Amino acid sequence: MSVAVVDDHTLFRQGLCEMLVSDPQFRVVGEGATGAQAERLCAELQPDVLLLDVEMPGPGVRATISRIQSAAPFVKIVILTMHDDPVLVHDLMESGVAAYLVKTIGKDELLAAVRSVNREGGNVLLSVSRSTIEGLDQQSAANKIVSERELEVLRLLAGARSNAQIAEELFITQGTVKRHLTNIYAKLGAVSRMDAVRKGAAAGLIDGVGD
């Protein structure tokens, strides 16, 4: 199995490469330290798997992933990062990564994860904390069910706007605002305006606000 490793921390990257080549199943074909190098390695070498850090010099991880997928559509991208964050996990899963692993995992778990993503098809492998999984479940569910217009209403609600003010800003009637609020409450499982704001913030739909 051919693997490329891209991480801007040289000592960590070299240790990771040594760990991989200690297993005869893996062959490290290239390494880099920037998003641009990740794209170039994948385009030129077409590895089976790319181990990719999140924070590196370059255009940003989402843009890097998009460019890699265009240059090497069959590469399995494994994110390996210190960021145990449900919002980032959700965003990168939507980008099409094969796995999201935090750097606190052990050697055996990492090697098993790389083997797994190369064998399996549409599944996304996660190795994150329980709190991140719970936050990810909340965010994924909410993002699927809350419409764009309801999201606009929820954001104005978080800004302490009244129904009349929301109606005026969105050029809709107060009756329509009330209908959107009813849908928002039902979809988020909220019982009040403030509860809807809290649950929307917990799901990553809006910025949190104080009580």
N, C-alpha and C. Protein backbone atom coordinates (compact mmCIF):
# COMPACT_ATOMS: atom_id res chain seq x y z
N MET A 1 0.85 -1.18 0.00
CA MET A 1 0.00 0.00 0.00
C MET A 1 0.89 1.24 0.00
N SER A 2 0.71 2.13 -0.98
CA SER A 2 1.54 3.34 -1.05
C SER A 2 0.91 4.46 -0.23
N VAL A 3 1.75 5.14 0.54
CA VAL A 3 1.28 6.18 1.46
C VAL A 3 2.15 7.42 1.31
N ALA A 4 1.52 8.60 1.29
CA ALA A 4 2.23 9.87 1.35
C ALA A 4 1.88 10.55 2.67
N VAL A 5 2.82 11.27 3.24
CA VAL A 5 2.64 11.90 4.54
C VAL A 5 2.95 13.39 4.42
N VAL A 6 2.00 14.23 4.80
CA VAL A 6 2.21 15.68 4.73
C VAL A 6 1.86 16.31 6.08
N ASP A 7 2.88 16.87 6.73
CA ASP A 7 2.73 17.51 8.03
C ASP A 7 3.90 18.48 8.18
N ASP A 8 3.64 19.70 8.65
CA ASP A 8 4.71 20.70 8.70
C ASP A 8 5.61 20.56 9.92
N HIS A 9 5.32 19.61 10.81
CA HIS A 9 6.20 19.34 11.94
C HIS A 9 7.16 18.21 11.54
N THR A 10 8.39 18.58 11.27
CA THR A 10 9.34 17.64 10.67
C THR A 10 9.56 16.40 11.52
N LEU A 11 9.77 16.57 12.81
CA LEU A 11 10.05 15.44 13.69
C LEU A 11 8.87 14.47 13.72
N PHE A 12 7.66 15.02 13.82
CA PHE A 12 6.46 14.17 13.84
C PHE A 12 6.32 13.44 12.50
N ARG A 13 6.51 14.17 11.40
CA ARG A 13 6.36 13.57 10.07
C ARG A 13 7.37 12.44 9.86
N GLN A 14 8.62 12.67 10.25
CA GLN A 14 9.64 11.64 10.08
C GLN A 14 9.34 10.42 10.94
N GLY A 15 8.87 10.66 12.17
CA GLY A 15 8.51 9.54 13.04
C GLY A 15 7.36 8.74 12.48
N LEU A 16 6.40 9.45 11.87
CA LEU A 16 5.25 8.78 11.26
C LEU A 16 5.69 7.91 10.08
N CYS A 17 6.61 8.43 9.28
CA CYS A 17 7.12 7.66 8.14
C CYS A 17 7.86 6.41 8.61
N GLU A 18 8.66 6.56 9.65
CA GLU A 18 9.38 5.40 10.19
C GLU A 18 8.42 4.35 10.73
N MET A 19 7.35 4.83 11.37
CA MET A 19 6.34 3.92 11.90
C MET A 19 5.68 3.13 10.77
N LEU A 20 5.37 3.81 9.68
CA LEU A 20 4.71 3.15 8.56
C LEU A 20 5.61 2.12 7.89
N VAL A 21 6.87 2.49 7.64
CA VAL A 21 7.76 1.56 6.93
C VAL A 21 8.19 0.39 7.81
N SER A 22 7.94 0.47 9.12
CA SER A 22 8.23 -0.67 9.98
C SER A 22 7.26 -1.82 9.74
N ASP A 23 6.16 -1.53 9.05
CA ASP A 23 5.19 -2.55 8.68
C ASP A 23 5.36 -2.85 7.19
N PRO A 24 5.64 -4.10 6.81
CA PRO A 24 5.90 -4.42 5.40
C PRO A 24 4.71 -4.18 4.47
N GLN A 25 3.54 -3.96 5.04
CA GLN A 25 2.36 -3.72 4.22
C GLN A 25 2.36 -2.31 3.62
N PHE A 26 3.16 -1.40 4.20
CA PHE A 26 3.14 0.00 3.75
C PHE A 26 4.44 0.39 3.05
N ARG A 27 4.28 1.29 2.08
CA ARG A 27 5.43 1.85 1.37
C ARG A 27 5.23 3.37 1.30
N VAL A 28 6.10 4.11 1.99
CA VAL A 28 6.01 5.57 1.97
C VAL A 28 6.64 6.07 0.69
N VAL A 29 5.83 6.71 -0.15
CA VAL A 29 6.31 7.13 -1.47
C VAL A 29 6.68 8.61 -1.52
N GLY A 30 6.30 9.37 -0.51
CA GLY A 30 6.64 10.79 -0.51
C GLY A 30 6.18 11.46 0.76
N GLU A 31 6.81 12.61 1.06
CA GLU A 31 6.41 13.39 2.23
C GLU A 31 6.55 14.87 1.92
N GLY A 32 5.78 15.69 2.63
CA GLY A 32 5.81 17.13 2.40
C GLY A 32 5.38 17.89 3.64
N ALA A 33 5.42 19.22 3.53
CA ALA A 33 5.15 20.06 4.70
C ALA A 33 4.12 21.16 4.43
N THR A 34 3.57 21.22 3.21
CA THR A 34 2.61 22.27 2.87
C THR A 34 1.46 21.69 2.06
N GLY A 35 0.38 22.47 1.97
CA GLY A 35 -0.75 22.05 1.16
C GLY A 35 -0.38 21.89 -0.30
N ALA A 36 0.45 22.81 -0.81
CA ALA A 36 0.87 22.73 -2.21
C ALA A 36 1.69 21.46 -2.47
N GLN A 37 2.54 21.09 -1.51
CA GLN A 37 3.32 19.87 -1.66
C GLN A 37 2.43 18.64 -1.61
N ALA A 38 1.39 18.68 -0.80
CA ALA A 38 0.44 17.57 -0.74
C ALA A 38 -0.22 17.37 -2.10
N GLU A 39 -0.65 18.47 -2.71
CA GLU A 39 -1.29 18.40 -4.02
C GLU A 39 -0.32 17.84 -5.07
N ARG A 40 0.91 18.33 -5.05
CA ARG A 40 1.89 17.90 -6.04
C ARG A 40 2.25 16.41 -5.86
N LEU A 41 2.43 15.99 -4.61
CA LEU A 41 2.75 14.58 -4.35
C LEU A 41 1.65 13.66 -4.87
N CYS A 42 0.40 14.04 -4.60
CA CYS A 42 -0.71 13.20 -5.02
C CYS A 42 -0.86 13.17 -6.53
N ALA A 43 -0.65 14.31 -7.17
CA ALA A 43 -0.76 14.38 -8.62
C ALA A 43 0.32 13.54 -9.30
N GLU A 44 1.55 13.59 -8.77
CA GLU A 44 2.67 12.91 -9.40
C GLU A 44 2.75 11.43 -9.03
N LEU A 45 2.45 11.10 -7.78
CA LEU A 45 2.68 9.75 -7.28
C LEU A 45 1.43 8.90 -7.18
N GLN A 46 0.24 9.54 -7.13
CA GLN A 46 -1.04 8.83 -7.02
C GLN A 46 -0.99 7.76 -5.91
N PRO A 47 -0.71 8.15 -4.67
CA PRO A 47 -0.65 7.16 -3.58
C PRO A 47 -2.03 6.59 -3.27
N ASP A 48 -2.04 5.44 -2.65
CA ASP A 48 -3.31 4.86 -2.20
C ASP A 48 -3.91 5.69 -1.07
N VAL A 49 -3.04 6.16 -0.16
CA VAL A 49 -3.50 6.89 1.03
C VAL A 49 -2.62 8.11 1.25
N LEU A 50 -3.25 9.21 1.65
CA LEU A 50 -2.53 10.42 2.05
C LEU A 50 -2.84 10.72 3.51
N LEU A 51 -1.82 10.81 4.35
CA LEU A 51 -1.98 11.28 5.72
C LEU A 51 -1.73 12.78 5.72
N LEU A 52 -2.73 13.56 6.13
CA LEU A 52 -2.70 15.01 5.96
C LEU A 52 -3.00 15.74 7.25
N ASP A 53 -2.13 16.67 7.62
CA ASP A 53 -2.37 17.53 8.78
C ASP A 53 -3.36 18.63 8.38
N VAL A 54 -3.95 19.30 9.37
CA VAL A 54 -4.95 20.34 9.10
C VAL A 54 -4.30 21.71 8.97
N GLU A 55 -3.44 22.07 9.91
CA GLU A 55 -2.84 23.41 9.94
C GLU A 55 -1.43 23.37 9.35
N MET A 56 -1.32 23.84 8.10
CA MET A 56 -0.03 23.89 7.41
C MET A 56 0.00 25.12 6.52
N PRO A 57 1.20 25.54 6.11
CA PRO A 57 1.27 26.63 5.13
C PRO A 57 0.55 26.23 3.85
N GLY A 58 -0.18 27.17 3.26
CA GLY A 58 -0.90 26.87 2.03
C GLY A 58 -2.29 27.47 2.03
N PRO A 59 -3.14 27.01 1.13
CA PRO A 59 -4.44 27.65 0.93
C PRO A 59 -5.50 27.28 1.97
N GLY A 60 -5.21 26.41 2.90
CA GLY A 60 -6.21 25.94 3.86
C GLY A 60 -6.60 24.51 3.53
N VAL A 61 -7.00 23.77 4.56
CA VAL A 61 -7.19 22.33 4.39
C VAL A 61 -8.34 22.01 3.44
N ARG A 62 -9.42 22.78 3.46
CA ARG A 62 -10.56 22.47 2.58
C ARG A 62 -10.17 22.67 1.11
N ALA A 63 -9.49 23.77 0.83
CA ALA A 63 -9.05 24.02 -0.55
C ALA A 63 -8.03 22.97 -0.97
N THR A 64 -7.14 22.60 -0.06
CA THR A 64 -6.13 21.57 -0.36
C THR A 64 -6.80 20.25 -0.70
N ILE A 65 -7.79 19.86 0.09
CA ILE A 65 -8.50 18.60 -0.17
C ILE A 65 -9.18 18.64 -1.53
N SER A 66 -9.82 19.74 -1.85
CA SER A 66 -10.50 19.87 -3.14
C SER A 66 -9.52 19.71 -4.30
N ARG A 67 -8.36 20.35 -4.19
CA ARG A 67 -7.36 20.28 -5.25
C ARG A 67 -6.78 18.88 -5.38
N ILE A 68 -6.57 18.22 -4.24
CA ILE A 68 -6.05 16.85 -4.26
C ILE A 68 -7.06 15.92 -4.93
N GLN A 69 -8.34 16.09 -4.61
CA GLN A 69 -9.36 15.23 -5.20
C GLN A 69 -9.45 15.40 -6.71
N SER A 70 -9.16 16.62 -7.18
CA SER A 70 -9.14 16.84 -8.63
C SER A 70 -7.92 16.21 -9.28
N ALA A 71 -6.78 16.30 -8.58
CA ALA A 71 -5.52 15.80 -9.14
C ALA A 71 -5.38 14.28 -8.99
N ALA A 72 -5.95 13.74 -7.91
CA ALA A 72 -5.82 12.30 -7.63
C ALA A 72 -7.13 11.79 -7.03
N PRO A 73 -8.14 11.58 -7.85
CA PRO A 73 -9.48 11.27 -7.34
C PRO A 73 -9.60 9.97 -6.56
N PHE A 74 -8.63 9.08 -6.70
CA PHE A 74 -8.74 7.79 -6.03
C PHE A 74 -7.96 7.72 -4.71
N VAL A 75 -7.24 8.76 -4.36
CA VAL A 75 -6.48 8.75 -3.11
C VAL A 75 -7.44 8.82 -1.92
N LYS A 76 -7.16 8.05 -0.89
CA LYS A 76 -7.93 8.08 0.35
C LYS A 76 -7.22 9.07 1.30
N ILE A 77 -7.93 10.12 1.67
CA ILE A 77 -7.33 11.16 2.51
C ILE A 77 -7.64 10.88 3.97
N VAL A 78 -6.61 10.74 4.77
CA VAL A 78 -6.74 10.52 6.21
C VAL A 78 -6.25 11.77 6.92
N ILE A 79 -7.15 12.45 7.61
CA ILE A 79 -6.78 13.63 8.40
C ILE A 79 -6.19 13.18 9.72
N LEU A 80 -5.03 13.70 10.05
CA LEU A 80 -4.36 13.39 11.31
C LEU A 80 -4.01 14.71 11.98
N THR A 81 -4.71 15.04 13.07
CA THR A 81 -4.63 16.39 13.63
C THR A 81 -4.77 16.38 15.15
N MET A 82 -4.41 17.52 15.76
CA MET A 82 -4.63 17.71 17.19
C MET A 82 -6.03 18.26 17.48
N HIS A 83 -6.76 18.68 16.44
CA HIS A 83 -8.05 19.35 16.63
C HIS A 83 -9.18 18.34 16.77
N ASP A 84 -9.67 18.20 17.99
CA ASP A 84 -10.78 17.30 18.29
C ASP A 84 -12.05 18.16 18.35
N ASP A 85 -12.56 18.53 17.17
CA ASP A 85 -13.59 19.56 17.07
C ASP A 85 -14.73 19.09 16.16
N PRO A 86 -15.98 19.03 16.66
CA PRO A 86 -17.08 18.50 15.84
C PRO A 86 -17.36 19.31 14.59
N VAL A 87 -17.20 20.63 14.65
CA VAL A 87 -17.47 21.46 13.47
C VAL A 87 -16.48 21.14 12.37
N LEU A 88 -15.19 21.04 12.73
CA LEU A 88 -14.16 20.71 11.74
C LEU A 88 -14.35 19.30 11.21
N VAL A 89 -14.67 18.35 12.10
CA VAL A 89 -14.92 16.98 11.66
C VAL A 89 -16.04 16.95 10.64
N HIS A 90 -17.14 17.64 10.94
CA HIS A 90 -18.29 17.66 10.03
C HIS A 90 -17.90 18.25 8.67
N ASP A 91 -17.21 19.39 8.70
CA ASP A 91 -16.82 20.05 7.46
C ASP A 91 -15.93 19.15 6.59
N LEU A 92 -14.97 18.48 7.22
CA LEU A 92 -14.04 17.66 6.44
C LEU A 92 -14.69 16.35 5.98
N MET A 93 -15.61 15.82 6.78
CA MET A 93 -16.37 14.66 6.31
C MET A 93 -17.17 15.03 5.06
N GLU A 94 -17.76 16.23 5.08
CA GLU A 94 -18.51 16.70 3.91
C GLU A 94 -17.58 16.88 2.71
N SER A 95 -16.30 17.16 2.98
CA SER A 95 -15.33 17.34 1.89
C SER A 95 -14.90 16.02 1.26
N GLY A 96 -15.23 14.90 1.92
CA GLY A 96 -14.94 13.60 1.33
C GLY A 96 -13.72 12.88 1.87
N VAL A 97 -13.25 13.25 3.09
CA VAL A 97 -12.10 12.52 3.64
C VAL A 97 -12.52 11.11 4.03
N ALA A 98 -11.55 10.21 4.04
CA ALA A 98 -11.82 8.81 4.38
C ALA A 98 -11.75 8.55 5.87
N ALA A 99 -10.99 9.39 6.59
CA ALA A 99 -10.84 9.19 8.03
C ALA A 99 -10.42 10.50 8.69
N TYR A 100 -10.80 10.65 9.95
CA TYR A 100 -10.41 11.81 10.76
C TYR A 100 -9.89 11.25 12.07
N LEU A 101 -8.58 11.40 12.30
CA LEU A 101 -7.94 10.83 13.47
C LEU A 101 -7.23 11.92 14.26
N VAL A 102 -7.33 11.84 15.58
CA VAL A 102 -6.58 12.77 16.42
C VAL A 102 -5.21 12.16 16.73
N LYS A 103 -4.23 13.03 16.94
CA LYS A 103 -2.85 12.58 17.10
C LYS A 103 -2.57 11.91 18.44
N THR A 104 -3.59 11.77 19.28
CA THR A 104 -3.40 11.07 20.54
C THR A 104 -3.57 9.56 20.38
N ILE A 105 -3.91 9.09 19.19
CA ILE A 105 -4.08 7.65 18.99
C ILE A 105 -2.73 6.94 19.03
N GLY A 106 -2.77 5.64 19.26
CA GLY A 106 -1.53 4.86 19.32
C GLY A 106 -1.14 4.30 17.96
N LYS A 107 0.04 3.71 17.90
CA LYS A 107 0.59 3.18 16.65
C LYS A 107 -0.32 2.13 16.04
N ASP A 108 -0.75 1.16 16.84
CA ASP A 108 -1.57 0.06 16.30
C ASP A 108 -2.88 0.59 15.75
N GLU A 109 -3.49 1.54 16.44
CA GLU A 109 -4.76 2.10 15.99
C GLU A 109 -4.58 2.86 14.68
N LEU A 110 -3.47 3.60 14.56
CA LEU A 110 -3.22 4.36 13.34
C LEU A 110 -3.02 3.42 12.15
N LEU A 111 -2.17 2.41 12.32
CA LEU A 111 -1.91 1.48 11.22
C LEU A 111 -3.18 0.74 10.82
N ALA A 112 -4.00 0.37 11.80
CA ALA A 112 -5.25 -0.31 11.49
C ALA A 112 -6.19 0.61 10.73
N ALA A 113 -6.18 1.89 11.08
CA ALA A 113 -7.04 2.86 10.39
C ALA A 113 -6.63 3.01 8.93
N VAL A 114 -5.32 3.09 8.67
CA VAL A 114 -4.84 3.24 7.30
C VAL A 114 -5.20 2.00 6.48
N ARG A 115 -5.04 0.83 7.07
CA ARG A 115 -5.44 -0.40 6.36
C ARG A 115 -6.93 -0.38 6.06
N SER A 116 -7.71 0.06 7.03
CA SER A 116 -9.17 0.03 6.90
C SER A 116 -9.67 0.94 5.78
N VAL A 117 -9.15 2.17 5.71
CA VAL A 117 -9.66 3.10 4.69
C VAL A 117 -9.29 2.63 3.29
N ASN A 118 -8.20 1.88 3.16
CA ASN A 118 -7.80 1.39 1.84
C ASN A 118 -8.64 0.20 1.40
N ARG A 119 -9.26 -0.49 2.37
CA ARG A 119 -10.09 -1.65 2.05
C ARG A 119 -11.54 -1.27 1.82
N GLU A 120 -12.05 -0.37 2.65
CA GLU A 120 -13.49 -0.13 2.68
C GLU A 120 -13.88 1.00 1.73
N GLY A 121 -15.16 1.02 1.40
CA GLY A 121 -15.66 1.97 0.41
C GLY A 121 -16.10 3.29 0.98
N GLY A 122 -17.42 3.48 1.17
CA GLY A 122 -17.96 4.79 1.50
C GLY A 122 -17.95 5.15 2.98
N ASN A 123 -17.47 4.27 3.84
CA ASN A 123 -17.47 4.56 5.27
C ASN A 123 -16.41 5.59 5.63
N VAL A 124 -16.71 6.44 6.62
CA VAL A 124 -15.74 7.39 7.14
C VAL A 124 -15.30 6.91 8.52
N LEU A 125 -14.01 6.75 8.71
CA LEU A 125 -13.47 6.27 9.97
C LEU A 125 -13.12 7.45 10.86
N LEU A 126 -13.62 7.42 12.11
CA LEU A 126 -13.35 8.50 13.06
C LEU A 126 -12.66 7.95 14.30
N SER A 127 -11.68 8.70 14.79
CA SER A 127 -11.07 8.42 16.08
C SER A 127 -10.99 9.75 16.81
N VAL A 128 -12.08 10.09 17.50
CA VAL A 128 -12.21 11.37 18.20
C VAL A 128 -12.84 11.12 19.56
N SER A 129 -12.98 12.17 20.37
CA SER A 129 -13.55 12.02 21.69
C SER A 129 -15.06 11.80 21.64
N ARG A 130 -15.62 11.30 22.73
CA ARG A 130 -17.07 11.09 22.80
C ARG A 130 -17.83 12.41 22.66
N SER A 131 -17.31 13.47 23.27
CA SER A 131 -17.99 14.76 23.20
C SER A 131 -18.03 15.27 21.75
N THR A 132 -16.98 15.02 20.98
CA THR A 132 -16.98 15.42 19.58
C THR A 132 -18.00 14.61 18.78
N ILE A 133 -18.11 13.31 19.06
CA ILE A 133 -19.11 12.48 18.39
C ILE A 133 -20.51 13.00 18.69
N GLU A 134 -20.76 13.35 19.95
CA GLU A 134 -22.08 13.86 20.32
C GLU A 134 -22.37 15.18 19.63
N GLY A 135 -21.36 16.07 19.58
CA GLY A 135 -21.53 17.34 18.89
C GLY A 135 -21.72 17.16 17.40
N LEU A 136 -21.02 16.17 16.85
CA LEU A 136 -21.15 15.87 15.42
C LEU A 136 -22.54 15.37 15.10
N ASP A 137 -23.09 14.51 15.96
CA ASP A 137 -24.45 14.02 15.75
C ASP A 137 -25.46 15.16 15.76
N GLN A 138 -25.31 16.07 16.71
CA GLN A 138 -26.21 17.22 16.79
C GLN A 138 -26.11 18.08 15.54
N GLN A 139 -24.89 18.38 15.14
CA GLN A 139 -24.70 19.28 14.02
C GLN A 139 -25.20 18.66 12.72
N SER A 140 -24.89 17.39 12.49
CA SER A 140 -25.29 16.73 11.26
C SER A 140 -26.80 16.67 11.14
N ALA A 141 -27.46 16.34 12.25
CA ALA A 141 -28.91 16.25 12.21
C ALA A 141 -29.53 17.61 11.94
N ALA A 142 -29.04 18.63 12.63
CA ALA A 142 -29.62 19.96 12.48
C ALA A 142 -29.38 20.53 11.08
N ASN A 143 -28.18 20.30 10.55
CA ASN A 143 -27.87 20.83 9.23
C ASN A 143 -28.74 20.20 8.15
N LYS A 144 -29.19 18.98 8.37
CA LYS A 144 -30.00 18.30 7.37
C LYS A 144 -31.45 18.78 7.37
N ILE A 145 -31.91 19.30 8.49
CA ILE A 145 -33.34 19.56 8.58
C ILE A 145 -33.70 21.04 8.62
N VAL A 146 -32.80 21.90 9.00
CA VAL A 146 -33.12 23.34 9.11
C VAL A 146 -32.90 24.00 7.75
N SER A 147 -33.96 24.62 7.21
CA SER A 147 -33.86 25.25 5.89
C SER A 147 -33.08 26.56 5.98
N GLU A 148 -32.72 27.10 4.81
CA GLU A 148 -31.97 28.35 4.77
C GLU A 148 -32.78 29.49 5.38
N ARG A 149 -34.07 29.57 5.07
CA ARG A 149 -34.91 30.63 5.62
C ARG A 149 -35.06 30.48 7.13
N GLU A 150 -35.22 29.25 7.59
CA GLU A 150 -35.31 29.02 9.04
C GLU A 150 -34.00 29.39 9.72
N LEU A 151 -32.89 29.15 9.06
CA LEU A 151 -31.59 29.52 9.61
C LEU A 151 -31.47 31.04 9.72
N GLU A 152 -31.98 31.77 8.74
CA GLU A 152 -31.98 33.24 8.81
C GLU A 152 -32.81 33.71 10.00
N VAL A 153 -33.97 33.11 10.19
CA VAL A 153 -34.83 33.46 11.33
C VAL A 153 -34.12 33.15 12.64
N LEU A 154 -33.46 31.99 12.71
CA LEU A 154 -32.75 31.59 13.93
C LEU A 154 -31.62 32.55 14.26
N ARG A 155 -30.91 33.01 13.25
CA ARG A 155 -29.82 33.97 13.50
C ARG A 155 -30.35 35.30 14.02
N LEU A 156 -31.47 35.75 13.47
CA LEU A 156 -32.07 36.99 13.96
C LEU A 156 -32.63 36.80 15.36
N LEU A 157 -33.14 35.61 15.62
CA LEU A 157 -33.63 35.29 16.96
C LEU A 157 -32.49 35.37 17.97
N ALA A 158 -31.32 34.89 17.57
CA ALA A 158 -30.14 34.95 18.44
C ALA A 158 -29.71 36.39 18.69
N GLY A 159 -30.07 37.29 17.77
CA GLY A 159 -29.77 38.70 17.95
C GLY A 159 -30.84 39.45 18.72
N ALA A 160 -31.72 38.70 19.38
CA ALA A 160 -32.78 39.26 20.24
C ALA A 160 -33.79 40.10 19.46
N ARG A 161 -34.02 39.76 18.20
CA ARG A 161 -35.03 40.47 17.42
C ARG A 161 -36.42 39.97 17.79
N SER A 162 -37.39 40.87 17.75
CA SER A 162 -38.79 40.49 17.95
C SER A 162 -39.33 39.91 16.65
N ASN A 163 -40.53 39.31 16.73
CA ASN A 163 -41.15 38.79 15.52
C ASN A 163 -41.34 39.89 14.49
N ALA A 164 -41.75 41.07 14.95
CA ALA A 164 -41.98 42.20 14.03
C ALA A 164 -40.68 42.62 13.36
N GLN A 165 -39.59 42.66 14.13
CA GLN A 165 -38.30 43.05 13.56
C GLN A 165 -37.79 42.01 12.55
N ILE A 166 -37.99 40.72 12.87
CA ILE A 166 -37.59 39.65 11.95
C ILE A 166 -38.37 39.77 10.64
N ALA A 167 -39.67 39.99 10.77
CA ALA A 167 -40.52 40.13 9.59
C ALA A 167 -40.05 41.30 8.72
N GLU A 168 -39.72 42.41 9.37
CA GLU A 168 -39.29 43.59 8.63
C GLU A 168 -37.96 43.33 7.91
N GLU A 169 -37.02 42.70 8.57
CA GLU A 169 -35.70 42.48 7.99
C GLU A 169 -35.73 41.47 6.84
N LEU A 170 -36.64 40.48 6.94
CA LEU A 170 -36.69 39.44 5.92
C LEU A 170 -37.80 39.69 4.88
N PHE A 171 -38.54 40.79 5.05
CA PHE A 171 -39.62 41.15 4.12
C PHE A 171 -40.68 40.05 4.04
N ILE A 172 -41.07 39.54 5.21
CA ILE A 172 -42.13 38.55 5.29
C ILE A 172 -43.12 38.99 6.36
N THR A 173 -44.26 38.32 6.46
CA THR A 173 -45.26 38.69 7.45
C THR A 173 -44.92 38.10 8.81
N GLN A 174 -45.52 38.66 9.86
CA GLN A 174 -45.30 38.11 11.19
C GLN A 174 -45.89 36.70 11.30
N GLY A 175 -46.95 36.44 10.57
CA GLY A 175 -47.52 35.09 10.55
C GLY A 175 -46.53 34.07 9.99
N THR A 176 -45.80 34.49 8.96
CA THR A 176 -44.77 33.61 8.38
C THR A 176 -43.63 33.40 9.35
N VAL A 177 -43.27 34.45 10.07
CA VAL A 177 -42.23 34.31 11.11
C VAL A 177 -42.65 33.29 12.14
N LYS A 178 -43.91 33.37 12.60
CA LYS A 178 -44.40 32.44 13.61
C LYS A 178 -44.37 31.00 13.09
N ARG A 179 -44.70 30.83 11.80
CA ARG A 179 -44.67 29.49 11.23
C ARG A 179 -43.24 28.95 11.18
N HIS A 180 -42.29 29.82 10.81
CA HIS A 180 -40.88 29.39 10.81
C HIS A 180 -40.41 29.03 12.22
N LEU A 181 -40.83 29.82 13.20
CA LEU A 181 -40.43 29.54 14.58
C LEU A 181 -41.00 28.20 15.05
N THR A 182 -42.23 27.91 14.68
CA THR A 182 -42.84 26.63 15.04
C THR A 182 -42.04 25.47 14.46
N ASN A 183 -41.62 25.63 13.18
CA ASN A 183 -40.82 24.58 12.53
C ASN A 183 -39.46 24.43 13.19
N ILE A 184 -38.85 25.57 13.53
CA ILE A 184 -37.53 25.55 14.18
C ILE A 184 -37.61 24.83 15.52
N TYR A 185 -38.63 25.16 16.32
CA TYR A 185 -38.78 24.52 17.63
C TYR A 185 -38.91 23.01 17.47
N ALA A 186 -39.72 22.59 16.49
CA ALA A 186 -39.96 21.16 16.29
C ALA A 186 -38.68 20.45 15.84
N LYS A 187 -37.94 21.07 14.93
CA LYS A 187 -36.76 20.42 14.37
C LYS A 187 -35.60 20.35 15.36
N LEU A 188 -35.49 21.37 16.21
CA LEU A 188 -34.40 21.40 17.19
C LEU A 188 -34.81 20.81 18.53
N GLY A 189 -36.09 20.48 18.68
CA GLY A 189 -36.57 19.99 19.96
C GLY A 189 -36.56 21.07 21.02
N ALA A 190 -36.83 22.31 20.62
CA ALA A 190 -36.78 23.45 21.53
C ALA A 190 -38.17 23.77 22.10
N VAL A 191 -38.18 24.40 23.27
CA VAL A 191 -39.45 24.74 23.91
C VAL A 191 -39.65 26.24 24.06
N SER A 192 -38.65 27.03 23.68
CA SER A 192 -38.75 28.48 23.81
C SER A 192 -37.77 29.13 22.83
N ARG A 193 -37.85 30.45 22.73
CA ARG A 193 -36.94 31.17 21.84
C ARG A 193 -35.49 30.99 22.28
N MET A 194 -35.23 31.18 23.59
CA MET A 194 -33.86 31.03 24.08
C MET A 194 -33.37 29.60 23.96
N ASP A 195 -34.27 28.62 24.17
CA ASP A 195 -33.88 27.22 24.03
C ASP A 195 -33.50 26.91 22.58
N ALA A 196 -34.22 27.49 21.63
CA ALA A 196 -33.90 27.30 20.21
C ALA A 196 -32.53 27.89 19.89
N VAL A 197 -32.23 29.05 20.46
CA VAL A 197 -30.93 29.68 20.24
C VAL A 197 -29.82 28.81 20.83
N ARG A 198 -30.03 28.31 22.04
CA ARG A 198 -29.01 27.46 22.68
C ARG A 198 -28.76 26.19 21.85
N LYS A 199 -29.84 25.55 21.41
CA LYS A 199 -29.68 24.30 20.68
C LYS A 199 -29.11 24.55 19.29
N GLY A 200 -29.47 25.67 18.69
CA GLY A 200 -28.88 26.02 17.39
C GLY A 200 -27.38 26.27 17.52
N ALA A 201 -26.98 26.91 18.62
CA ALA A 201 -25.55 27.17 18.85
C ALA A 201 -24.80 25.87 19.13
N ALA A 202 -25.43 24.97 19.90
CA ALA A 202 -24.81 23.68 20.22
C ALA A 202 -24.59 22.86 18.97
N ALA A 203 -25.48 23.01 17.99
CA ALA A 203 -25.36 22.27 16.74
C ALA A 203 -24.44 22.94 15.74
N GLY A 204 -23.89 24.11 16.11
CA GLY A 204 -22.97 24.80 15.23
C GLY A 204 -23.65 25.61 14.13
N LEU A 205 -24.97 25.80 14.24
CA LEU A 205 -25.68 26.55 13.22
C LEU A 205 -25.51 28.05 13.35
N ILE A 206 -25.38 28.50 14.58
CA ILE A 206 -25.24 29.93 14.86
C ILE A 206 -24.20 30.11 15.94
N ASP A 207 -23.73 31.33 16.14
CA ASP A 207 -22.82 31.64 17.24
C ASP A 207 -23.57 31.59 18.55
N GLY A 208 -22.89 31.15 19.60
CA GLY A 208 -23.52 31.10 20.92
C GLY A 208 -23.73 32.51 21.48
N VAL A 209 -24.71 32.63 22.35
CA VAL A 209 -24.98 33.89 23.03
C VAL A 209 -25.13 33.63 24.51
N GLY A 210 -24.97 34.65 25.27
CA GLY A 210 -25.14 34.53 26.72
C GLY A 210 -26.60 34.50 27.10
N ASP A 211 -26.89 34.06 28.33
CA ASP A 211 -28.27 34.06 28.80
C ASP A 211 -28.76 35.47 29.04
